[in-house]
Amino acid sequence: MAAQKGRSLVLKKGGTAIAGVQTKSISYAGEPIDITGDDDAGYRTLLGNPGLETLDLSVEGVTKDTVLRALALDSSGTLQATDWSLLFPNGDTITGSFNISSYEENGVHNDAVKFTMSLQSSGAWVYTAV
């Protein structure tokens, strides 16, 4: 498999690239279900499918508008945002609903306003391999 450019990994909301994202990371966790019994001869046995699956996304970059700030500071009390997509350079995609678990903006004098944001999956997501 060929190496892929990080800048080609794109985070989209509703089909539109979000902000000036410069750094992206993805973290998957699948919590196993222990089904070990007396007949397993003292070895742990795990169920083939995880009991709980989570997908976390983290992004950093430069703000170009107020879209992310508006999503994070939505006074309605809901931080769940639907229709997120993460597009990989080879064409693979992950789509689904994610909650904004943290959002931070910072600005240095005479420099661009930068942000960091963490998203946590809410419900099932779809991974589509090319």
N, C-alpha and C. Protein backbone atom coordinates (compact mmCIF):
# COMPACT_ATOMS: atom_id res chain seq x y z
N MET A 1 0.85 -1.17 0.00
CA MET A 1 0.00 0.00 0.00
C MET A 1 0.89 1.24 0.00
N ALA A 2 0.56 2.19 -0.82
CA ALA A 2 1.33 3.42 -0.93
C ALA A 2 1.02 4.36 0.24
N ALA A 3 2.01 5.17 0.60
CA ALA A 3 1.79 6.18 1.65
C ALA A 3 0.77 7.19 1.17
N GLN A 4 0.11 7.84 2.12
CA GLN A 4 -0.93 8.82 1.77
C GLN A 4 -0.60 10.16 2.41
N LYS A 5 -0.97 11.24 1.73
CA LYS A 5 -0.74 12.59 2.23
C LYS A 5 -1.78 12.94 3.29
N GLY A 6 -1.31 13.42 4.45
CA GLY A 6 -2.22 13.82 5.52
C GLY A 6 -3.13 14.96 5.14
N ARG A 7 -2.63 15.86 4.28
CA ARG A 7 -3.47 17.00 3.90
C ARG A 7 -4.65 16.59 3.04
N SER A 8 -4.60 15.35 2.52
CA SER A 8 -5.69 14.87 1.69
C SER A 8 -6.79 14.20 2.52
N LEU A 9 -6.61 14.11 3.83
CA LEU A 9 -7.63 13.59 4.74
C LEU A 9 -8.53 14.76 5.09
N VAL A 10 -9.79 14.73 4.66
CA VAL A 10 -10.67 15.89 4.75
C VAL A 10 -11.87 15.60 5.65
N LEU A 11 -12.18 16.54 6.55
CA LEU A 11 -13.37 16.47 7.39
C LEU A 11 -14.43 17.36 6.78
N LYS A 12 -15.62 16.79 6.54
CA LYS A 12 -16.71 17.55 5.93
C LYS A 12 -17.95 17.49 6.81
N LYS A 13 -18.75 18.53 6.72
CA LYS A 13 -20.06 18.60 7.39
C LYS A 13 -21.06 18.96 6.32
N GLY A 14 -22.00 18.07 6.06
CA GLY A 14 -22.99 18.33 5.02
C GLY A 14 -22.39 18.49 3.65
N GLY A 15 -21.29 17.79 3.38
CA GLY A 15 -20.67 17.84 2.07
C GLY A 15 -19.70 18.99 1.86
N THR A 16 -19.53 19.84 2.88
CA THR A 16 -18.64 21.00 2.77
C THR A 16 -17.45 20.83 3.70
N ALA A 17 -16.25 21.06 3.18
CA ALA A 17 -15.05 20.99 4.02
C ALA A 17 -15.18 22.00 5.15
N ILE A 18 -14.81 21.59 6.36
CA ILE A 18 -14.97 22.42 7.56
C ILE A 18 -13.67 23.13 7.89
N ALA A 19 -13.71 24.42 7.95
CA ALA A 19 -12.60 25.27 8.39
C ALA A 19 -11.31 24.92 7.67
N GLY A 20 -10.21 25.48 8.14
CA GLY A 20 -8.90 25.18 7.58
C GLY A 20 -8.25 24.10 8.40
N VAL A 21 -8.78 22.89 8.33
CA VAL A 21 -8.29 21.79 9.14
C VAL A 21 -6.88 21.43 8.69
N GLN A 22 -5.95 21.42 9.65
CA GLN A 22 -4.55 21.12 9.34
C GLN A 22 -4.11 19.79 9.93
N THR A 23 -4.64 19.41 11.08
CA THR A 23 -4.26 18.17 11.74
C THR A 23 -5.52 17.38 12.05
N LYS A 24 -5.53 16.10 11.69
CA LYS A 24 -6.68 15.24 11.93
C LYS A 24 -6.21 13.92 12.53
N SER A 25 -7.00 13.39 13.45
CA SER A 25 -6.69 12.05 13.96
C SER A 25 -8.00 11.31 14.21
N ILE A 26 -7.89 10.00 14.16
CA ILE A 26 -9.06 9.14 14.36
C ILE A 26 -8.66 8.06 15.35
N SER A 27 -9.59 7.72 16.26
CA SER A 27 -9.33 6.71 17.26
C SER A 27 -10.55 5.79 17.37
N TYR A 28 -10.33 4.50 17.18
CA TYR A 28 -11.40 3.51 17.29
C TYR A 28 -11.16 2.66 18.52
N ALA A 29 -12.23 2.30 19.21
CA ALA A 29 -12.14 1.36 20.33
C ALA A 29 -13.33 0.41 20.27
N GLY A 30 -13.06 -0.86 20.46
CA GLY A 30 -14.10 -1.88 20.50
C GLY A 30 -13.97 -2.65 21.81
N GLU A 31 -14.93 -2.45 22.69
CA GLU A 31 -14.89 -3.09 24.01
C GLU A 31 -15.35 -4.54 23.89
N PRO A 32 -14.46 -5.49 24.18
CA PRO A 32 -14.83 -6.90 24.04
C PRO A 32 -15.79 -7.37 25.14
N ILE A 33 -16.48 -8.45 24.83
CA ILE A 33 -17.37 -9.08 25.81
C ILE A 33 -16.74 -10.40 26.21
N ASP A 34 -16.42 -10.53 27.50
CA ASP A 34 -15.78 -11.73 28.03
C ASP A 34 -16.86 -12.80 28.25
N ILE A 35 -16.71 -13.93 27.55
CA ILE A 35 -17.67 -15.03 27.70
C ILE A 35 -16.97 -16.29 28.23
N THR A 36 -15.88 -16.07 28.95
CA THR A 36 -15.11 -17.19 29.50
C THR A 36 -15.96 -18.01 30.47
N GLY A 37 -15.89 -19.30 30.31
CA GLY A 37 -16.61 -20.20 31.20
C GLY A 37 -15.70 -21.30 31.70
N ASP A 38 -16.22 -22.16 32.55
CA ASP A 38 -15.44 -23.26 33.12
C ASP A 38 -14.90 -24.20 32.05
N ASP A 39 -15.57 -24.29 30.92
CA ASP A 39 -15.15 -25.23 29.87
C ASP A 39 -14.09 -24.63 28.94
N ASP A 40 -13.54 -23.47 29.26
CA ASP A 40 -12.52 -22.84 28.43
C ASP A 40 -11.10 -23.15 28.88
N ALA A 41 -10.92 -24.12 29.73
CA ALA A 41 -9.61 -24.62 30.17
C ALA A 41 -8.69 -23.54 30.72
N GLY A 42 -9.27 -22.54 31.36
CA GLY A 42 -8.47 -21.49 31.98
C GLY A 42 -8.01 -20.38 31.05
N TYR A 43 -8.49 -20.39 29.80
CA TYR A 43 -8.13 -19.33 28.86
C TYR A 43 -9.31 -18.40 28.65
N ARG A 44 -9.02 -17.15 28.56
CA ARG A 44 -10.08 -16.16 28.32
C ARG A 44 -10.67 -16.36 26.92
N THR A 45 -12.00 -16.23 26.81
CA THR A 45 -12.70 -16.31 25.54
C THR A 45 -13.53 -15.04 25.37
N LEU A 46 -13.34 -14.39 24.23
CA LEU A 46 -14.06 -13.15 23.95
C LEU A 46 -15.05 -13.38 22.81
N LEU A 47 -16.22 -12.75 22.94
CA LEU A 47 -17.22 -12.79 21.89
C LEU A 47 -16.65 -12.11 20.65
N GLY A 48 -16.97 -12.62 19.49
CA GLY A 48 -16.41 -12.10 18.24
C GLY A 48 -16.72 -10.64 17.95
N ASN A 49 -17.88 -10.16 18.37
CA ASN A 49 -18.26 -8.76 18.13
C ASN A 49 -18.13 -7.97 19.42
N PRO A 50 -17.62 -6.74 19.33
CA PRO A 50 -17.50 -5.92 20.55
C PRO A 50 -18.86 -5.52 21.11
N GLY A 51 -18.90 -5.31 22.41
CA GLY A 51 -20.14 -4.88 23.06
C GLY A 51 -20.38 -3.40 22.89
N LEU A 52 -19.32 -2.63 22.82
CA LEU A 52 -19.41 -1.18 22.66
C LEU A 52 -18.30 -0.74 21.71
N GLU A 53 -18.68 0.00 20.67
CA GLU A 53 -17.71 0.53 19.72
C GLU A 53 -17.77 2.04 19.76
N THR A 54 -16.60 2.67 19.78
CA THR A 54 -16.55 4.13 19.78
C THR A 54 -15.58 4.59 18.70
N LEU A 55 -15.88 5.74 18.15
CA LEU A 55 -15.02 6.36 17.15
C LEU A 55 -14.87 7.82 17.54
N ASP A 56 -13.64 8.26 17.77
CA ASP A 56 -13.37 9.64 18.17
C ASP A 56 -12.52 10.30 17.09
N LEU A 57 -12.87 11.54 16.77
CA LEU A 57 -12.11 12.33 15.79
C LEU A 57 -11.58 13.57 16.49
N SER A 58 -10.37 13.96 16.18
CA SER A 58 -9.79 15.20 16.70
C SER A 58 -9.26 15.99 15.52
N VAL A 59 -9.53 17.28 15.51
CA VAL A 59 -9.05 18.13 14.42
C VAL A 59 -8.48 19.42 14.99
N GLU A 60 -7.51 19.98 14.29
CA GLU A 60 -6.92 21.26 14.64
C GLU A 60 -6.76 22.03 13.34
N GLY A 61 -6.81 23.35 13.45
CA GLY A 61 -6.59 24.14 12.24
C GLY A 61 -6.83 25.61 12.45
N VAL A 62 -7.13 26.28 11.35
CA VAL A 62 -7.33 27.73 11.33
C VAL A 62 -8.79 28.01 11.03
N THR A 63 -9.41 28.88 11.83
CA THR A 63 -10.81 29.23 11.57
C THR A 63 -10.88 30.16 10.36
N LYS A 64 -11.81 29.88 9.48
CA LYS A 64 -12.01 30.70 8.29
C LYS A 64 -13.39 31.35 8.31
N ASP A 65 -14.25 30.85 9.18
CA ASP A 65 -15.58 31.43 9.36
C ASP A 65 -16.04 31.04 10.76
N THR A 66 -17.31 31.18 11.04
CA THR A 66 -17.82 30.91 12.39
C THR A 66 -18.62 29.61 12.49
N VAL A 67 -18.53 28.74 11.49
CA VAL A 67 -19.34 27.52 11.47
C VAL A 67 -19.06 26.64 12.67
N LEU A 68 -17.79 26.34 12.94
CA LEU A 68 -17.46 25.47 14.07
C LEU A 68 -17.83 26.11 15.40
N ARG A 69 -17.53 27.39 15.55
CA ARG A 69 -17.87 28.10 16.78
C ARG A 69 -19.38 28.03 17.02
N ALA A 70 -20.16 28.24 15.97
CA ALA A 70 -21.63 28.20 16.10
C ALA A 70 -22.11 26.81 16.50
N LEU A 71 -21.50 25.76 15.92
CA LEU A 71 -21.88 24.40 16.30
C LEU A 71 -21.53 24.11 17.76
N ALA A 72 -20.33 24.51 18.17
CA ALA A 72 -19.86 24.21 19.53
C ALA A 72 -20.60 25.02 20.60
N LEU A 73 -20.97 26.25 20.28
CA LEU A 73 -21.60 27.13 21.27
C LEU A 73 -23.10 27.25 21.09
N ASP A 74 -23.69 26.29 20.41
CA ASP A 74 -25.13 26.28 20.17
C ASP A 74 -25.87 26.31 21.51
N SER A 75 -26.63 27.35 21.74
CA SER A 75 -27.32 27.51 23.02
C SER A 75 -28.53 26.61 23.19
N SER A 76 -28.87 25.83 22.16
CA SER A 76 -30.02 24.93 22.30
C SER A 76 -29.69 23.74 23.19
N GLY A 77 -28.42 23.57 23.53
CA GLY A 77 -28.02 22.49 24.43
C GLY A 77 -27.67 21.20 23.73
N THR A 78 -27.83 21.15 22.42
CA THR A 78 -27.45 19.93 21.71
C THR A 78 -26.13 20.13 20.99
N LEU A 79 -25.19 19.26 21.26
CA LEU A 79 -23.90 19.33 20.59
C LEU A 79 -23.76 18.22 19.55
N GLN A 80 -24.88 17.52 19.29
CA GLN A 80 -24.82 16.46 18.29
C GLN A 80 -24.97 17.06 16.92
N ALA A 81 -24.08 16.69 16.06
CA ALA A 81 -24.13 17.18 14.69
C ALA A 81 -24.17 15.98 13.76
N THR A 82 -25.14 15.96 12.89
CA THR A 82 -25.27 14.87 11.93
C THR A 82 -24.52 15.20 10.64
N ASP A 83 -24.41 14.23 9.81
CA ASP A 83 -23.87 14.42 8.46
C ASP A 83 -22.39 14.81 8.43
N TRP A 84 -21.58 14.22 9.30
CA TRP A 84 -20.13 14.42 9.26
C TRP A 84 -19.55 13.35 8.34
N SER A 85 -18.50 13.70 7.62
CA SER A 85 -17.79 12.75 6.76
C SER A 85 -16.30 12.97 6.91
N LEU A 86 -15.56 11.88 7.00
CA LEU A 86 -14.11 11.94 6.98
C LEU A 86 -13.69 11.20 5.72
N LEU A 87 -13.04 11.92 4.80
CA LEU A 87 -12.63 11.35 3.52
C LEU A 87 -11.13 11.10 3.52
N PHE A 88 -10.75 9.87 3.20
CA PHE A 88 -9.35 9.48 3.15
C PHE A 88 -8.81 9.69 1.74
N PRO A 89 -7.51 9.86 1.59
CA PRO A 89 -6.92 10.13 0.28
C PRO A 89 -7.22 9.07 -0.78
N ASN A 90 -7.38 7.81 -0.38
CA ASN A 90 -7.64 6.76 -1.36
C ASN A 90 -9.11 6.65 -1.73
N GLY A 91 -9.98 7.48 -1.12
CA GLY A 91 -11.41 7.46 -1.44
C GLY A 91 -12.27 6.79 -0.37
N ASP A 92 -11.69 6.11 0.62
CA ASP A 92 -12.46 5.55 1.73
C ASP A 92 -13.16 6.68 2.48
N THR A 93 -14.31 6.40 3.08
CA THR A 93 -15.03 7.42 3.85
C THR A 93 -15.60 6.83 5.14
N ILE A 94 -15.74 7.69 6.14
CA ILE A 94 -16.48 7.39 7.35
C ILE A 94 -17.54 8.48 7.47
N THR A 95 -18.80 8.09 7.62
CA THR A 95 -19.88 9.06 7.77
C THR A 95 -20.71 8.70 8.99
N GLY A 96 -21.31 9.72 9.62
CA GLY A 96 -22.17 9.46 10.76
C GLY A 96 -22.45 10.70 11.57
N SER A 97 -23.06 10.48 12.73
CA SER A 97 -23.36 11.56 13.67
C SER A 97 -22.31 11.55 14.77
N PHE A 98 -21.87 12.74 15.14
CA PHE A 98 -20.85 12.89 16.17
C PHE A 98 -21.24 14.03 17.09
N ASN A 99 -20.93 13.88 18.37
CA ASN A 99 -21.11 14.96 19.34
C ASN A 99 -19.80 15.72 19.45
N ILE A 100 -19.91 17.02 19.58
CA ILE A 100 -18.73 17.85 19.83
C ILE A 100 -18.45 17.75 21.32
N SER A 101 -17.35 17.08 21.67
CA SER A 101 -17.03 16.89 23.09
C SER A 101 -16.13 17.99 23.62
N SER A 102 -15.39 18.66 22.75
CA SER A 102 -14.62 19.82 23.18
C SER A 102 -14.32 20.70 21.98
N TYR A 103 -14.21 22.00 22.25
CA TYR A 103 -13.88 22.98 21.21
C TYR A 103 -13.10 24.10 21.88
N GLU A 104 -12.00 24.47 21.27
CA GLU A 104 -11.18 25.55 21.81
C GLU A 104 -10.67 26.42 20.67
N GLU A 105 -10.74 27.72 20.87
CA GLU A 105 -10.17 28.68 19.93
C GLU A 105 -9.09 29.46 20.65
N ASN A 106 -8.07 29.84 19.92
CA ASN A 106 -7.06 30.71 20.50
C ASN A 106 -6.48 31.59 19.41
N GLY A 107 -6.08 32.77 19.80
CA GLY A 107 -5.50 33.70 18.84
C GLY A 107 -4.29 34.39 19.44
N VAL A 108 -3.27 34.46 18.65
CA VAL A 108 -2.06 35.16 19.04
C VAL A 108 -2.04 36.47 18.26
N HIS A 109 -1.58 37.52 18.86
CA HIS A 109 -1.51 38.82 18.19
C HIS A 109 -0.85 38.68 16.82
N ASN A 110 -1.48 39.22 15.79
CA ASN A 110 -0.98 39.18 14.41
C ASN A 110 -0.86 37.78 13.83
N ASP A 111 -1.66 36.87 14.30
CA ASP A 111 -1.64 35.51 13.78
C ASP A 111 -3.09 35.06 13.58
N ALA A 112 -3.29 34.02 12.82
CA ALA A 112 -4.64 33.51 12.56
C ALA A 112 -5.24 32.94 13.84
N VAL A 113 -6.57 32.97 13.92
CA VAL A 113 -7.28 32.34 15.03
C VAL A 113 -7.29 30.84 14.76
N LYS A 114 -6.79 30.06 15.71
CA LYS A 114 -6.70 28.61 15.54
C LYS A 114 -7.70 27.92 16.46
N PHE A 115 -8.02 26.67 16.13
CA PHE A 115 -8.98 25.91 16.93
C PHE A 115 -8.51 24.47 17.08
N THR A 116 -9.04 23.82 18.11
CA THR A 116 -8.96 22.37 18.28
C THR A 116 -10.35 21.89 18.62
N MET A 117 -10.73 20.73 18.12
CA MET A 117 -12.07 20.21 18.37
C MET A 117 -11.99 18.69 18.44
N SER A 118 -12.77 18.11 19.36
CA SER A 118 -12.89 16.66 19.48
C SER A 118 -14.33 16.27 19.24
N LEU A 119 -14.52 15.20 18.49
CA LEU A 119 -15.84 14.68 18.17
C LEU A 119 -15.92 13.23 18.63
N GLN A 120 -17.07 12.84 19.19
CA GLN A 120 -17.30 11.46 19.62
C GLN A 120 -18.51 10.91 18.89
N SER A 121 -18.39 9.68 18.41
CA SER A 121 -19.49 9.07 17.67
C SER A 121 -20.73 8.96 18.54
N SER A 122 -21.87 9.15 17.89
CA SER A 122 -23.17 9.00 18.55
C SER A 122 -24.02 8.12 17.64
N GLY A 123 -24.11 6.88 18.00
CA GLY A 123 -24.82 5.93 17.14
C GLY A 123 -23.86 5.28 16.16
N ALA A 124 -24.45 4.57 15.22
CA ALA A 124 -23.64 3.84 14.24
C ALA A 124 -23.03 4.78 13.23
N TRP A 125 -21.86 4.42 12.74
CA TRP A 125 -21.24 5.15 11.65
C TRP A 125 -21.05 4.15 10.51
N VAL A 126 -20.77 4.67 9.34
CA VAL A 126 -20.59 3.82 8.17
C VAL A 126 -19.19 4.04 7.61
N TYR A 127 -18.44 2.96 7.53
CA TYR A 127 -17.12 3.00 6.88
C TYR A 127 -17.28 2.40 5.50
N THR A 128 -16.92 3.15 4.48
CA THR A 128 -17.02 2.68 3.11
C THR A 128 -15.62 2.60 2.51
N ALA A 129 -15.18 1.38 2.21
CA ALA A 129 -13.87 1.19 1.60
C ALA A 129 -14.01 1.23 0.09
N VAL A 130 -12.99 1.80 -0.56
CA VAL A 130 -13.02 1.86 -2.03
C VAL A 130 -12.68 0.49 -2.57
